[in-house]
Structures are given as C-alpha cells and as structure tokens.
C-alpha cells in the first residue's frame, strides 16, 4: 500500500489531469496515512477533471498555486485562486478544508515548520453533493504544528479571504454545523460567504445550519 502522495505536480503550468481513479487502499482493507491523491506546488493554470480518489488523507492538497479548476472530485480540496465545481464527497471528513501553520517556526520540514507568510484568496466552491460527511463541511484551522510542540493558534500571518461556498446538498453523519472557522487573530479571515445549504444529519433528519 502506498503511504505518500500519488502524484506531485511541481513547477507546472497549463496542465490538465483528467479521468483519473486513485485507489490508495490496502488489500486487507483500510487506508494508509498521508496518502494524498495529488499535491500541487508552485504551479498555475491546472485543471483536475473527473477524478475519483479513495484514500486516507487529502484527495487534492493544493499548495502554492494560482488558478486551479476542479471538476467532479471526490473528497476535500484546498487552494488559492481556485474554482471548484460539481464535486461529490462520500464519507469524507470535510468538503473544503484549509489549514495553515502557526506563526512560530518550530524546526524545519518535513516534521517542523511555521512562521511563514502567504494567502489563499479568490476561492469559489459551488454545486456540491455530499453523503455522510463526518465533520463540518467547511473548515478553517490555522493551528498546525509538529515536533510535539503546542502552537499558538492565534499567531499565523497567513491570510485567508474572499471565499464563497455556494450550494451544497446531501447528508452528514453527526454535526449540525455547516462551518468551523478557527482563524488567526493576527490576520483574521475575512469576506467568507456561505449560501444555499441543503444538508441534513442522516441519523435524525436535523437541518445543518
């Protein structure tokens, strides 16, 4: 079983990745850790179209990117200058998940980092279908730290702004919250819009709001 990202897209421009099935599971069942479907780094004008990802981590982890278009991808996505449309999420933790390091540098990658600058902006997620999401569909956490260090979750200087989540339908397993935002106090999240939510908790029919 593969235990790292399936595809790394680095220093790439004007590329299309289409009709790809990524099955990162073990023959004995279950998923490995850190099994991203694809990661982008220093790339722009990338299109992911008609992907299905069955794995144990991020389906697409979009780092240091500009102008990404996503179409029909199963599981969660994240990015900067991003348009994601018509995605389907089946038993994923979230639909869209943003995470950043804290503002303090602790060691160096791959098992440490932090203290960096950057932004995620001009992001649109629309026309989403979900089945049994396991947590809040839309989540922001600016509290990532490694090296067994407790990070300051208010200190990140990475900016997250101008995000729209439009139209998600389906079911969740347990949460009645449509979003969970833990943003930095130093650079607070701003201009986030959520509209047209039609989600219910599968166990009791409670509306998610």
N, C-alpha and C. Protein backbone atom coordinates (compact mmCIF):
# COMPACT_ATOMS: atom_id res chain seq x y z
N UNK A 1 0.85 -1.20 0.00
CA UNK A 1 0.00 0.00 0.00
C UNK A 1 0.88 1.24 0.00
N UNK A 2 0.55 2.18 -0.86
CA UNK A 2 1.26 3.44 -0.95
C UNK A 2 1.00 4.27 0.29
N UNK A 3 2.05 4.94 0.83
CA UNK A 3 1.87 5.71 2.05
C UNK A 3 2.33 7.17 1.88
N UNK A 4 2.24 7.66 0.67
CA UNK A 4 2.56 9.05 0.42
C UNK A 4 1.72 9.51 -0.75
N UNK A 5 1.83 10.75 -1.14
CA UNK A 5 1.01 11.25 -2.23
C UNK A 5 1.22 10.44 -3.51
N UNK A 6 0.15 10.26 -4.26
CA UNK A 6 0.23 9.52 -5.51
C UNK A 6 0.90 10.34 -6.61
N UNK A 7 0.55 11.63 -6.66
CA UNK A 7 1.04 12.48 -7.75
C UNK A 7 1.52 13.80 -7.17
N UNK A 8 2.75 14.21 -7.53
CA UNK A 8 3.29 15.52 -7.18
C UNK A 8 3.39 16.36 -8.44
N UNK A 9 2.79 17.55 -8.40
CA UNK A 9 2.80 18.46 -9.54
C UNK A 9 3.58 19.69 -9.12
N UNK A 10 4.81 19.83 -9.61
CA UNK A 10 5.73 20.86 -9.13
C UNK A 10 6.20 21.70 -10.31
N UNK A 11 6.17 23.04 -10.15
CA UNK A 11 6.61 23.96 -11.21
C UNK A 11 5.96 23.60 -12.55
N UNK A 12 4.61 23.51 -12.52
CA UNK A 12 3.85 23.10 -13.70
C UNK A 12 2.83 24.17 -14.06
N UNK A 13 2.67 24.44 -15.34
CA UNK A 13 1.70 25.43 -15.80
C UNK A 13 0.91 24.85 -16.98
N UNK A 14 -0.37 25.30 -17.06
CA UNK A 14 -1.23 24.97 -18.20
C UNK A 14 -1.31 23.46 -18.44
N UNK A 15 -1.71 22.73 -17.40
CA UNK A 15 -1.80 21.27 -17.50
C UNK A 15 -3.21 20.80 -17.13
N UNK A 16 -3.64 19.71 -17.77
CA UNK A 16 -4.93 19.09 -17.49
C UNK A 16 -4.70 17.66 -17.03
N UNK A 17 -5.32 17.29 -15.90
CA UNK A 17 -5.27 15.93 -15.38
C UNK A 17 -6.72 15.43 -15.34
N UNK A 18 -7.03 14.49 -16.22
CA UNK A 18 -8.43 14.15 -16.48
C UNK A 18 -8.66 12.64 -16.43
N UNK A 19 -9.88 12.26 -15.91
CA UNK A 19 -10.33 10.87 -15.89
C UNK A 19 -9.32 9.97 -15.17
N UNK A 20 -9.09 10.27 -13.91
CA UNK A 20 -8.11 9.53 -13.10
C UNK A 20 -8.81 8.92 -11.89
N UNK A 21 -8.56 7.63 -11.67
CA UNK A 21 -9.08 6.92 -10.49
C UNK A 21 -7.90 6.57 -9.61
N UNK A 22 -7.88 7.11 -8.41
CA UNK A 22 -6.79 6.90 -7.47
C UNK A 22 -7.32 6.08 -6.29
N UNK A 23 -6.96 4.79 -6.26
CA UNK A 23 -7.40 3.89 -5.20
C UNK A 23 -6.20 3.58 -4.31
N UNK A 24 -6.12 4.26 -3.18
CA UNK A 24 -4.98 4.11 -2.28
C UNK A 24 -5.40 3.33 -1.04
N UNK A 25 -5.83 2.10 -1.24
CA UNK A 25 -6.29 1.26 -0.16
C UNK A 25 -5.46 -0.02 -0.11
N UNK A 26 -5.51 -0.69 1.04
CA UNK A 26 -4.77 -1.94 1.21
C UNK A 26 -5.65 -3.12 0.83
N UNK A 27 -5.02 -4.20 0.39
CA UNK A 27 -5.79 -5.40 0.04
C UNK A 27 -6.51 -5.97 1.25
N UNK A 28 -5.98 -5.71 2.44
CA UNK A 28 -6.61 -6.17 3.68
C UNK A 28 -7.66 -5.19 4.20
N UNK A 29 -7.85 -4.08 3.47
CA UNK A 29 -8.81 -3.07 3.89
C UNK A 29 -8.14 -1.91 4.58
N UNK A 30 -8.80 -0.76 4.60
CA UNK A 30 -8.28 0.41 5.27
C UNK A 30 -7.41 1.26 4.35
N UNK A 31 -6.97 2.39 4.90
CA UNK A 31 -6.19 3.35 4.15
C UNK A 31 -4.89 3.64 4.89
N UNK A 32 -3.85 3.93 4.14
CA UNK A 32 -2.60 4.38 4.74
C UNK A 32 -2.68 5.84 5.13
N UNK A 33 -1.73 6.29 5.95
CA UNK A 33 -1.68 7.69 6.35
C UNK A 33 -0.93 8.52 5.31
N UNK A 34 -1.24 9.81 5.26
CA UNK A 34 -0.55 10.76 4.37
C UNK A 34 -0.65 10.34 2.90
N UNK A 35 -1.78 9.81 2.51
CA UNK A 35 -1.94 9.29 1.14
C UNK A 35 -2.71 10.29 0.27
N UNK A 36 -2.18 11.48 0.12
CA UNK A 36 -2.82 12.48 -0.73
C UNK A 36 -2.95 11.95 -2.16
N UNK A 37 -4.06 12.28 -2.80
CA UNK A 37 -4.22 11.90 -4.19
C UNK A 37 -3.26 12.65 -5.09
N UNK A 38 -3.17 13.97 -4.90
CA UNK A 38 -2.23 14.79 -5.65
C UNK A 38 -1.92 16.05 -4.86
N UNK A 39 -0.69 16.51 -4.96
CA UNK A 39 -0.26 17.78 -4.36
C UNK A 39 0.27 18.68 -5.45
N UNK A 40 -0.09 19.97 -5.41
CA UNK A 40 0.48 20.94 -6.33
C UNK A 40 1.38 21.89 -5.56
N UNK A 41 2.54 22.22 -6.14
CA UNK A 41 3.49 23.13 -5.53
C UNK A 41 4.05 24.03 -6.62
N UNK A 42 3.99 25.35 -6.41
CA UNK A 42 4.49 26.33 -7.38
C UNK A 42 3.95 26.05 -8.78
N UNK A 43 2.63 25.90 -8.90
CA UNK A 43 2.01 25.58 -10.18
C UNK A 43 0.86 26.54 -10.46
N UNK A 44 0.48 26.68 -11.72
CA UNK A 44 -0.61 27.57 -12.09
C UNK A 44 -1.36 27.04 -13.30
N UNK A 45 -2.61 27.50 -13.45
CA UNK A 45 -3.47 27.12 -14.56
C UNK A 45 -3.53 25.59 -14.69
N UNK A 46 -3.93 24.95 -13.59
CA UNK A 46 -4.05 23.50 -13.54
C UNK A 46 -5.53 23.13 -13.53
N UNK A 47 -5.91 22.12 -14.30
CA UNK A 47 -7.28 21.61 -14.30
C UNK A 47 -7.28 20.15 -13.85
N UNK A 48 -8.10 19.86 -12.81
CA UNK A 48 -8.39 18.48 -12.41
C UNK A 48 -9.84 18.21 -12.82
N UNK A 49 -10.07 17.24 -13.69
CA UNK A 49 -11.42 16.99 -14.18
C UNK A 49 -11.71 15.49 -14.10
N UNK A 50 -12.87 15.15 -13.52
CA UNK A 50 -13.33 13.76 -13.44
C UNK A 50 -12.33 12.86 -12.71
N UNK A 51 -11.99 13.27 -11.50
CA UNK A 51 -11.16 12.45 -10.61
C UNK A 51 -12.04 11.74 -9.60
N UNK A 52 -11.63 10.53 -9.22
CA UNK A 52 -12.18 9.85 -8.05
C UNK A 52 -11.00 9.40 -7.20
N UNK A 53 -11.03 9.77 -5.92
CA UNK A 53 -9.93 9.44 -5.02
C UNK A 53 -10.48 8.70 -3.81
N UNK A 54 -9.95 7.51 -3.54
CA UNK A 54 -10.29 6.70 -2.37
C UNK A 54 -9.01 6.52 -1.58
N UNK A 55 -8.87 7.30 -0.51
CA UNK A 55 -7.61 7.30 0.22
C UNK A 55 -7.83 7.63 1.68
N UNK A 56 -6.72 7.85 2.42
CA UNK A 56 -6.82 8.10 3.85
C UNK A 56 -6.42 9.49 4.26
N UNK A 57 -6.28 10.41 3.29
CA UNK A 57 -5.87 11.77 3.63
C UNK A 57 -6.50 12.72 2.63
N UNK A 58 -5.82 13.81 2.28
CA UNK A 58 -6.39 14.78 1.34
C UNK A 58 -6.52 14.16 -0.05
N UNK A 59 -7.65 14.38 -0.70
CA UNK A 59 -7.76 13.96 -2.10
C UNK A 59 -6.86 14.82 -2.96
N UNK A 60 -7.01 16.14 -2.86
CA UNK A 60 -6.11 17.06 -3.53
C UNK A 60 -5.64 18.08 -2.52
N UNK A 61 -4.34 18.20 -2.38
CA UNK A 61 -3.75 19.18 -1.48
C UNK A 61 -3.07 20.23 -2.34
N UNK A 62 -3.66 21.42 -2.37
CA UNK A 62 -3.23 22.43 -3.32
C UNK A 62 -2.40 23.48 -2.60
N UNK A 63 -1.09 23.41 -2.78
CA UNK A 63 -0.16 24.28 -2.08
C UNK A 63 0.51 25.21 -3.08
N UNK A 64 0.60 26.49 -2.73
CA UNK A 64 1.35 27.45 -3.55
C UNK A 64 0.89 27.41 -5.00
N UNK A 65 -0.37 27.77 -5.20
CA UNK A 65 -0.96 27.63 -6.53
C UNK A 65 -1.67 28.90 -6.96
N UNK A 66 -1.96 29.00 -8.24
CA UNK A 66 -2.78 30.06 -8.80
C UNK A 66 -3.64 29.47 -9.90
N UNK A 67 -4.92 29.80 -9.89
CA UNK A 67 -5.83 29.45 -10.98
C UNK A 67 -5.91 27.94 -11.22
N UNK A 68 -6.59 27.30 -10.29
CA UNK A 68 -6.86 25.87 -10.39
C UNK A 68 -8.36 25.69 -10.64
N UNK A 69 -8.73 24.79 -11.54
CA UNK A 69 -10.13 24.45 -11.76
C UNK A 69 -10.33 22.98 -11.43
N UNK A 70 -11.32 22.70 -10.58
CA UNK A 70 -11.60 21.33 -10.17
C UNK A 70 -13.00 20.95 -10.64
N UNK A 71 -13.14 19.74 -11.17
CA UNK A 71 -14.44 19.29 -11.63
C UNK A 71 -14.66 17.83 -11.29
N UNK A 72 -15.70 17.55 -10.51
CA UNK A 72 -16.09 16.18 -10.16
C UNK A 72 -14.97 15.43 -9.45
N UNK A 73 -14.61 15.89 -8.28
CA UNK A 73 -13.59 15.25 -7.47
C UNK A 73 -14.23 14.78 -6.17
N UNK A 74 -13.93 13.55 -5.78
CA UNK A 74 -14.44 13.03 -4.52
C UNK A 74 -13.45 13.37 -3.42
N UNK A 75 -13.93 14.01 -2.38
CA UNK A 75 -13.19 14.35 -1.17
C UNK A 75 -12.78 15.81 -1.16
N UNK A 76 -11.91 16.17 -0.21
CA UNK A 76 -11.72 17.57 0.13
C UNK A 76 -10.68 18.25 -0.73
N UNK A 77 -10.78 19.60 -0.81
CA UNK A 77 -9.86 20.37 -1.62
C UNK A 77 -9.46 21.63 -0.88
N UNK A 78 -8.34 22.21 -1.30
CA UNK A 78 -7.87 23.46 -0.71
C UNK A 78 -7.01 24.18 -1.71
N UNK A 79 -7.03 25.50 -1.72
CA UNK A 79 -6.15 26.17 -2.67
C UNK A 79 -6.25 27.67 -2.65
N UNK A 80 -5.52 28.31 -3.55
CA UNK A 80 -5.50 29.75 -3.73
C UNK A 80 -5.79 30.05 -5.19
N UNK A 81 -6.66 31.04 -5.45
CA UNK A 81 -7.14 31.33 -6.81
C UNK A 81 -7.76 30.07 -7.40
N UNK A 82 -8.83 29.61 -6.76
CA UNK A 82 -9.37 28.28 -7.03
C UNK A 82 -10.84 28.36 -7.42
N UNK A 83 -11.25 27.54 -8.41
CA UNK A 83 -12.66 27.35 -8.75
C UNK A 83 -12.94 25.86 -8.73
N UNK A 84 -13.78 25.41 -7.81
CA UNK A 84 -14.15 24.00 -7.70
C UNK A 84 -15.65 23.89 -7.94
N UNK A 85 -16.03 23.08 -8.93
CA UNK A 85 -17.44 23.00 -9.32
C UNK A 85 -17.85 21.55 -9.53
N UNK A 86 -19.07 21.22 -9.04
CA UNK A 86 -19.66 19.91 -9.30
C UNK A 86 -18.98 18.77 -8.59
N UNK A 87 -18.41 19.01 -7.41
CA UNK A 87 -17.70 17.95 -6.70
C UNK A 87 -18.64 17.10 -5.87
N UNK A 88 -18.28 15.82 -5.72
CA UNK A 88 -19.04 14.88 -4.91
C UNK A 88 -18.18 14.39 -3.76
N UNK A 89 -18.73 14.37 -2.55
CA UNK A 89 -17.99 13.96 -1.36
C UNK A 89 -18.73 12.81 -0.68
N UNK A 90 -18.07 11.66 -0.56
CA UNK A 90 -18.69 10.47 0.02
C UNK A 90 -17.88 10.02 1.23
N UNK A 91 -18.47 10.19 2.44
CA UNK A 91 -17.84 9.75 3.68
C UNK A 91 -16.48 10.42 3.90
N UNK A 92 -16.35 11.68 3.50
CA UNK A 92 -15.14 12.44 3.77
C UNK A 92 -15.31 13.22 5.07
N UNK A 93 -14.18 13.68 5.61
CA UNK A 93 -14.25 14.47 6.84
C UNK A 93 -14.87 15.84 6.58
N UNK A 94 -14.42 16.51 5.53
CA UNK A 94 -14.93 17.83 5.15
C UNK A 94 -15.19 17.84 3.64
N UNK A 95 -15.81 18.92 3.19
CA UNK A 95 -15.87 19.20 1.75
C UNK A 95 -14.70 20.09 1.35
N UNK A 96 -14.50 21.19 2.06
CA UNK A 96 -13.36 22.07 1.81
C UNK A 96 -12.68 22.36 3.13
N UNK A 97 -11.36 22.15 3.17
CA UNK A 97 -10.61 22.25 4.43
C UNK A 97 -9.34 23.07 4.18
N UNK A 98 -9.18 24.13 4.94
CA UNK A 98 -7.99 24.97 4.87
C UNK A 98 -7.22 24.83 6.18
N UNK A 99 -5.92 24.58 6.09
CA UNK A 99 -5.11 24.55 7.30
C UNK A 99 -3.79 25.27 7.05
N UNK A 100 -3.33 26.00 8.05
CA UNK A 100 -2.05 26.69 7.96
C UNK A 100 -1.25 26.41 9.23
N UNK A 101 0.05 26.67 9.11
CA UNK A 101 0.91 26.59 10.28
C UNK A 101 0.61 27.76 11.22
N UNK A 102 1.05 27.62 12.45
CA UNK A 102 1.02 28.74 13.39
C UNK A 102 2.10 29.76 12.98
N UNK A 103 2.15 30.87 13.70
CA UNK A 103 3.07 31.93 13.34
C UNK A 103 4.49 31.74 13.81
N UNK A 104 4.76 30.69 14.59
CA UNK A 104 6.10 30.46 15.11
C UNK A 104 6.77 29.31 14.37
N UNK A 105 7.99 29.50 13.95
CA UNK A 105 8.73 28.42 13.31
C UNK A 105 9.23 27.44 14.36
N UNK A 106 8.95 26.16 14.12
CA UNK A 106 9.41 25.09 15.00
C UNK A 106 10.11 24.07 14.13
N UNK A 107 11.41 24.06 14.13
CA UNK A 107 12.16 23.12 13.30
C UNK A 107 12.01 23.43 11.82
N UNK A 108 12.19 22.38 11.00
CA UNK A 108 12.16 22.52 9.55
C UNK A 108 11.39 21.34 8.96
N UNK A 109 10.83 21.52 7.75
CA UNK A 109 10.11 20.40 7.12
C UNK A 109 11.03 19.19 6.95
N UNK A 110 10.48 17.95 6.94
CA UNK A 110 9.05 17.66 6.85
C UNK A 110 8.32 17.57 8.19
N UNK A 111 9.04 17.57 9.31
CA UNK A 111 8.36 17.40 10.60
C UNK A 111 8.36 18.65 11.45
N UNK A 112 8.58 19.76 10.83
CA UNK A 112 8.50 21.03 11.52
C UNK A 112 8.40 22.14 10.51
N UNK A 113 7.92 23.30 10.93
CA UNK A 113 7.81 24.48 10.06
C UNK A 113 7.04 25.54 10.83
N UNK A 114 6.43 26.46 10.10
CA UNK A 114 5.67 27.53 10.73
C UNK A 114 6.34 28.87 10.52
N UNK A 115 5.60 29.92 10.86
CA UNK A 115 6.15 31.26 10.78
C UNK A 115 6.16 31.86 9.40
N UNK A 116 5.53 31.20 8.42
CA UNK A 116 5.58 31.69 7.06
C UNK A 116 4.49 32.68 6.72
N UNK A 117 4.63 33.28 5.53
CA UNK A 117 3.65 34.24 5.02
C UNK A 117 2.97 33.65 3.79
N UNK A 118 1.85 34.27 3.38
CA UNK A 118 1.15 33.83 2.18
C UNK A 118 -0.32 34.17 2.26
N UNK A 119 -1.08 33.72 1.26
CA UNK A 119 -2.51 33.97 1.28
C UNK A 119 -3.24 32.92 0.46
N UNK A 120 -4.50 32.71 0.79
CA UNK A 120 -5.45 31.94 -0.02
C UNK A 120 -6.64 32.85 -0.25
N UNK A 121 -6.89 33.18 -1.52
CA UNK A 121 -7.91 34.18 -1.81
C UNK A 121 -8.56 33.91 -3.16
N UNK A 122 -9.72 34.52 -3.36
CA UNK A 122 -10.47 34.39 -4.62
C UNK A 122 -10.80 32.92 -4.87
N UNK A 123 -11.53 32.31 -3.93
CA UNK A 123 -11.84 30.89 -3.96
C UNK A 123 -13.35 30.70 -4.11
N UNK A 124 -13.75 29.82 -5.02
CA UNK A 124 -15.17 29.54 -5.24
C UNK A 124 -15.40 28.04 -5.26
N UNK A 125 -16.27 27.57 -4.38
CA UNK A 125 -16.73 26.18 -4.36
C UNK A 125 -18.23 26.22 -4.62
N UNK A 126 -18.71 25.47 -5.63
CA UNK A 126 -20.13 25.51 -5.93
C UNK A 126 -20.64 24.17 -6.46
N UNK A 127 -21.98 23.99 -6.33
CA UNK A 127 -22.67 22.80 -6.84
C UNK A 127 -22.07 21.52 -6.27
N UNK A 128 -22.12 21.38 -4.95
CA UNK A 128 -21.52 20.23 -4.26
C UNK A 128 -22.58 19.25 -3.80
N UNK A 129 -22.24 17.95 -3.86
CA UNK A 129 -23.09 16.88 -3.37
C UNK A 129 -22.32 16.11 -2.30
N UNK A 130 -22.96 15.85 -1.16
CA UNK A 130 -22.27 15.19 -0.05
C UNK A 130 -23.11 14.04 0.49
N UNK A 131 -22.42 12.96 0.86
CA UNK A 131 -23.05 11.82 1.53
C UNK A 131 -22.25 11.48 2.77
N UNK A 132 -22.88 11.61 3.94
CA UNK A 132 -22.29 11.22 5.22
C UNK A 132 -20.94 11.89 5.50
N UNK A 133 -20.91 13.21 5.37
CA UNK A 133 -19.73 13.94 5.84
C UNK A 133 -19.55 13.69 7.33
N UNK A 134 -18.31 13.58 7.77
CA UNK A 134 -18.04 13.22 9.15
C UNK A 134 -17.73 14.40 10.07
N UNK A 135 -17.68 15.60 9.51
CA UNK A 135 -17.47 16.80 10.31
C UNK A 135 -18.03 17.99 9.54
N UNK A 136 -17.76 19.21 10.02
CA UNK A 136 -18.31 20.39 9.37
C UNK A 136 -17.85 20.46 7.91
N UNK A 137 -18.77 20.70 6.97
CA UNK A 137 -18.39 20.72 5.56
C UNK A 137 -17.28 21.70 5.24
N UNK A 138 -17.32 22.89 5.83
CA UNK A 138 -16.35 23.94 5.50
C UNK A 138 -15.57 24.28 6.77
N UNK A 139 -14.25 24.07 6.73
CA UNK A 139 -13.44 24.18 7.93
C UNK A 139 -12.15 24.94 7.66
N UNK A 140 -11.80 25.82 8.58
CA UNK A 140 -10.52 26.53 8.56
C UNK A 140 -9.84 26.30 9.90
N UNK A 141 -8.57 25.91 9.86
CA UNK A 141 -7.77 25.78 11.09
C UNK A 141 -6.38 26.36 10.83
N UNK A 142 -6.00 27.35 11.60
CA UNK A 142 -4.69 27.97 11.45
C UNK A 142 -3.82 27.61 12.66
N UNK A 143 -3.79 26.32 12.97
CA UNK A 143 -3.20 25.84 14.22
C UNK A 143 -2.26 24.66 14.02
N UNK A 144 -1.77 24.44 12.79
CA UNK A 144 -0.93 23.27 12.54
C UNK A 144 0.47 23.47 13.11
N UNK A 145 0.95 22.49 13.86
CA UNK A 145 2.32 22.49 14.35
C UNK A 145 2.74 21.05 14.57
N UNK A 146 4.03 20.75 14.36
CA UNK A 146 4.56 19.41 14.56
C UNK A 146 5.65 19.46 15.63
N UNK A 147 6.49 18.45 15.65
CA UNK A 147 7.61 18.36 16.58
C UNK A 147 7.16 18.37 18.04
N UNK A 148 5.96 17.82 18.30
CA UNK A 148 5.44 17.69 19.67
C UNK A 148 5.39 19.03 20.39
N UNK A 149 5.10 20.09 19.65
CA UNK A 149 5.05 21.43 20.22
C UNK A 149 3.62 21.95 20.20
N UNK A 150 3.19 22.57 21.28
CA UNK A 150 1.87 23.18 21.33
C UNK A 150 1.95 24.56 20.70
N UNK A 151 1.25 24.76 19.60
CA UNK A 151 1.35 26.01 18.86
C UNK A 151 0.40 27.07 19.36
N UNK A 152 0.71 28.32 19.04
CA UNK A 152 -0.15 29.45 19.34
C UNK A 152 -1.12 29.62 18.18
N UNK A 153 -2.35 29.24 18.37
CA UNK A 153 -3.33 29.18 17.28
C UNK A 153 -3.84 30.55 16.85
N UNK A 154 -3.37 31.62 17.48
CA UNK A 154 -3.80 32.97 17.10
C UNK A 154 -2.72 33.73 16.33
N UNK A 155 -1.60 33.08 16.02
CA UNK A 155 -0.42 33.83 15.59
C UNK A 155 -0.10 33.77 14.10
N UNK A 156 -0.79 32.96 13.33
CA UNK A 156 -0.45 32.79 11.92
C UNK A 156 -0.60 34.11 11.15
N UNK A 157 0.36 34.38 10.27
CA UNK A 157 0.30 35.56 9.41
C UNK A 157 -0.19 35.21 8.00
N UNK A 158 -0.56 33.97 7.79
CA UNK A 158 -1.11 33.54 6.51
C UNK A 158 -2.54 34.05 6.41
N UNK A 159 -2.88 34.71 5.29
CA UNK A 159 -4.19 35.35 5.15
C UNK A 159 -5.15 34.48 4.33
N UNK A 160 -6.41 34.40 4.79
CA UNK A 160 -7.47 33.66 4.11
C UNK A 160 -8.64 34.61 3.93
N UNK A 161 -9.02 34.86 2.66
CA UNK A 161 -10.08 35.85 2.43
C UNK A 161 -10.73 35.66 1.06
N UNK A 162 -11.90 36.28 0.90
CA UNK A 162 -12.67 36.23 -0.36
C UNK A 162 -12.96 34.79 -0.80
N UNK A 163 -13.76 34.10 0.03
CA UNK A 163 -14.12 32.70 -0.23
C UNK A 163 -15.64 32.60 -0.33
N UNK A 164 -16.12 31.89 -1.34
CA UNK A 164 -17.56 31.66 -1.49
C UNK A 164 -17.84 30.16 -1.56
N UNK A 165 -18.78 29.71 -0.73
CA UNK A 165 -19.29 28.34 -0.78
C UNK A 165 -20.76 28.44 -1.21
N UNK A 166 -21.06 27.94 -2.41
CA UNK A 166 -22.40 28.10 -2.97
C UNK A 166 -23.02 26.75 -3.30
N UNK A 167 -24.08 26.41 -2.62
CA UNK A 167 -24.90 25.25 -2.95
C UNK A 167 -24.22 23.93 -2.63
N UNK A 168 -24.57 23.38 -1.46
CA UNK A 168 -24.18 22.03 -1.10
C UNK A 168 -25.41 21.29 -0.62
N UNK A 169 -25.58 20.07 -1.09
CA UNK A 169 -26.75 19.26 -0.75
C UNK A 169 -26.29 17.87 -0.30
N UNK A 170 -27.11 17.24 0.58
CA UNK A 170 -26.83 15.87 0.97
C UNK A 170 -26.95 15.66 2.46
N UNK A 171 -26.08 14.79 3.01
CA UNK A 171 -26.19 14.37 4.40
C UNK A 171 -24.85 14.43 5.11
N UNK A 172 -24.92 14.58 6.44
CA UNK A 172 -23.77 14.45 7.31
C UNK A 172 -24.05 13.35 8.32
N UNK A 173 -23.02 12.88 9.01
CA UNK A 173 -23.20 11.81 9.98
C UNK A 173 -23.55 12.31 11.38
N UNK A 174 -22.97 13.45 11.79
CA UNK A 174 -23.19 13.80 13.19
C UNK A 174 -23.26 15.27 13.52
N UNK A 175 -22.63 16.13 12.73
CA UNK A 175 -22.59 17.54 13.09
C UNK A 175 -23.77 18.30 12.49
N UNK A 176 -24.26 19.27 13.23
CA UNK A 176 -25.32 20.13 12.72
C UNK A 176 -24.77 21.50 12.37
N UNK A 177 -23.45 21.62 12.27
CA UNK A 177 -22.81 22.89 11.93
C UNK A 177 -22.32 22.83 10.48
N UNK A 178 -22.57 23.87 9.73
CA UNK A 178 -22.13 23.89 8.35
C UNK A 178 -20.69 24.34 8.21
N UNK A 179 -20.15 25.02 9.24
CA UNK A 179 -18.78 25.52 9.14
C UNK A 179 -18.12 25.56 10.51
N UNK A 180 -16.80 25.43 10.49
CA UNK A 180 -15.98 25.59 11.70
C UNK A 180 -14.74 26.39 11.31
N UNK A 181 -14.67 27.63 11.78
CA UNK A 181 -13.57 28.52 11.40
C UNK A 181 -12.74 28.87 12.64
N UNK A 182 -11.49 28.48 12.65
CA UNK A 182 -10.54 28.87 13.69
C UNK A 182 -9.45 29.66 12.99
N UNK A 183 -9.64 30.99 12.95
CA UNK A 183 -8.76 31.86 12.18
C UNK A 183 -7.79 32.58 13.10
N UNK A 184 -6.70 33.04 12.53
CA UNK A 184 -5.67 33.74 13.28
C UNK A 184 -6.17 35.10 13.76
N UNK A 185 -5.75 35.49 14.96
CA UNK A 185 -6.06 36.83 15.45
C UNK A 185 -5.16 37.87 14.80
N UNK A 186 -3.98 37.46 14.36
CA UNK A 186 -3.04 38.39 13.73
C UNK A 186 -3.52 38.78 12.33
N UNK A 187 -3.99 37.79 11.54
CA UNK A 187 -4.54 38.03 10.21
C UNK A 187 -5.89 37.32 10.12
N UNK A 188 -6.95 37.93 10.63
CA UNK A 188 -8.25 37.25 10.67
C UNK A 188 -8.78 36.93 9.27
N UNK A 189 -9.54 35.84 9.18
CA UNK A 189 -10.24 35.52 7.93
C UNK A 189 -11.27 36.62 7.63
N UNK A 190 -11.51 36.88 6.36
CA UNK A 190 -12.47 37.93 6.02
C UNK A 190 -13.16 37.63 4.69
N UNK A 191 -14.33 38.20 4.55
CA UNK A 191 -15.13 38.08 3.32
C UNK A 191 -15.38 36.62 2.94
N UNK A 192 -16.02 35.89 3.85
CA UNK A 192 -16.38 34.50 3.59
C UNK A 192 -17.90 34.41 3.48
N UNK A 193 -18.40 33.84 2.39
CA UNK A 193 -19.83 33.77 2.13
C UNK A 193 -20.26 32.32 1.95
N UNK A 194 -21.34 31.93 2.63
CA UNK A 194 -21.91 30.60 2.52
C UNK A 194 -23.39 30.74 2.16
N UNK A 195 -23.81 30.16 1.04
CA UNK A 195 -25.20 30.29 0.61
C UNK A 195 -25.75 28.96 0.10
N UNK A 196 -27.07 28.83 0.17
CA UNK A 196 -27.81 27.70 -0.43
C UNK A 196 -27.35 26.36 0.16
N UNK A 197 -27.59 26.18 1.45
CA UNK A 197 -27.21 24.96 2.15
C UNK A 197 -28.45 24.08 2.32
N UNK A 198 -28.35 22.83 1.85
CA UNK A 198 -29.45 21.87 1.98
C UNK A 198 -28.87 20.54 2.46
N UNK A 199 -28.40 20.55 3.71
CA UNK A 199 -27.80 19.36 4.33
C UNK A 199 -28.62 18.94 5.54
N UNK A 200 -28.72 17.62 5.75
CA UNK A 200 -29.40 17.11 6.93
C UNK A 200 -28.52 16.07 7.61
N UNK A 201 -28.67 15.94 8.92
CA UNK A 201 -27.99 14.89 9.67
C UNK A 201 -28.71 13.58 9.39
N UNK A 202 -27.99 12.59 8.85
CA UNK A 202 -28.61 11.37 8.36
C UNK A 202 -29.36 10.62 9.46
N UNK A 203 -28.87 10.64 10.69
CA UNK A 203 -29.45 9.84 11.76
C UNK A 203 -30.80 10.35 12.24
N UNK A 204 -31.04 11.66 12.15
CA UNK A 204 -32.29 12.21 12.72
C UNK A 204 -32.98 13.24 11.83
N UNK A 205 -32.42 13.55 10.67
CA UNK A 205 -33.07 14.48 9.76
C UNK A 205 -32.96 15.94 10.16
N UNK A 206 -32.11 16.25 11.14
CA UNK A 206 -31.91 17.64 11.57
C UNK A 206 -31.24 18.44 10.48
N UNK A 207 -31.72 19.65 10.24
CA UNK A 207 -31.09 20.50 9.23
C UNK A 207 -29.75 21.02 9.73
N UNK A 208 -28.78 21.03 8.85
CA UNK A 208 -27.47 21.60 9.16
C UNK A 208 -27.54 23.10 8.90
N UNK A 209 -27.04 23.88 9.86
CA UNK A 209 -27.10 25.34 9.68
C UNK A 209 -25.91 26.03 10.32
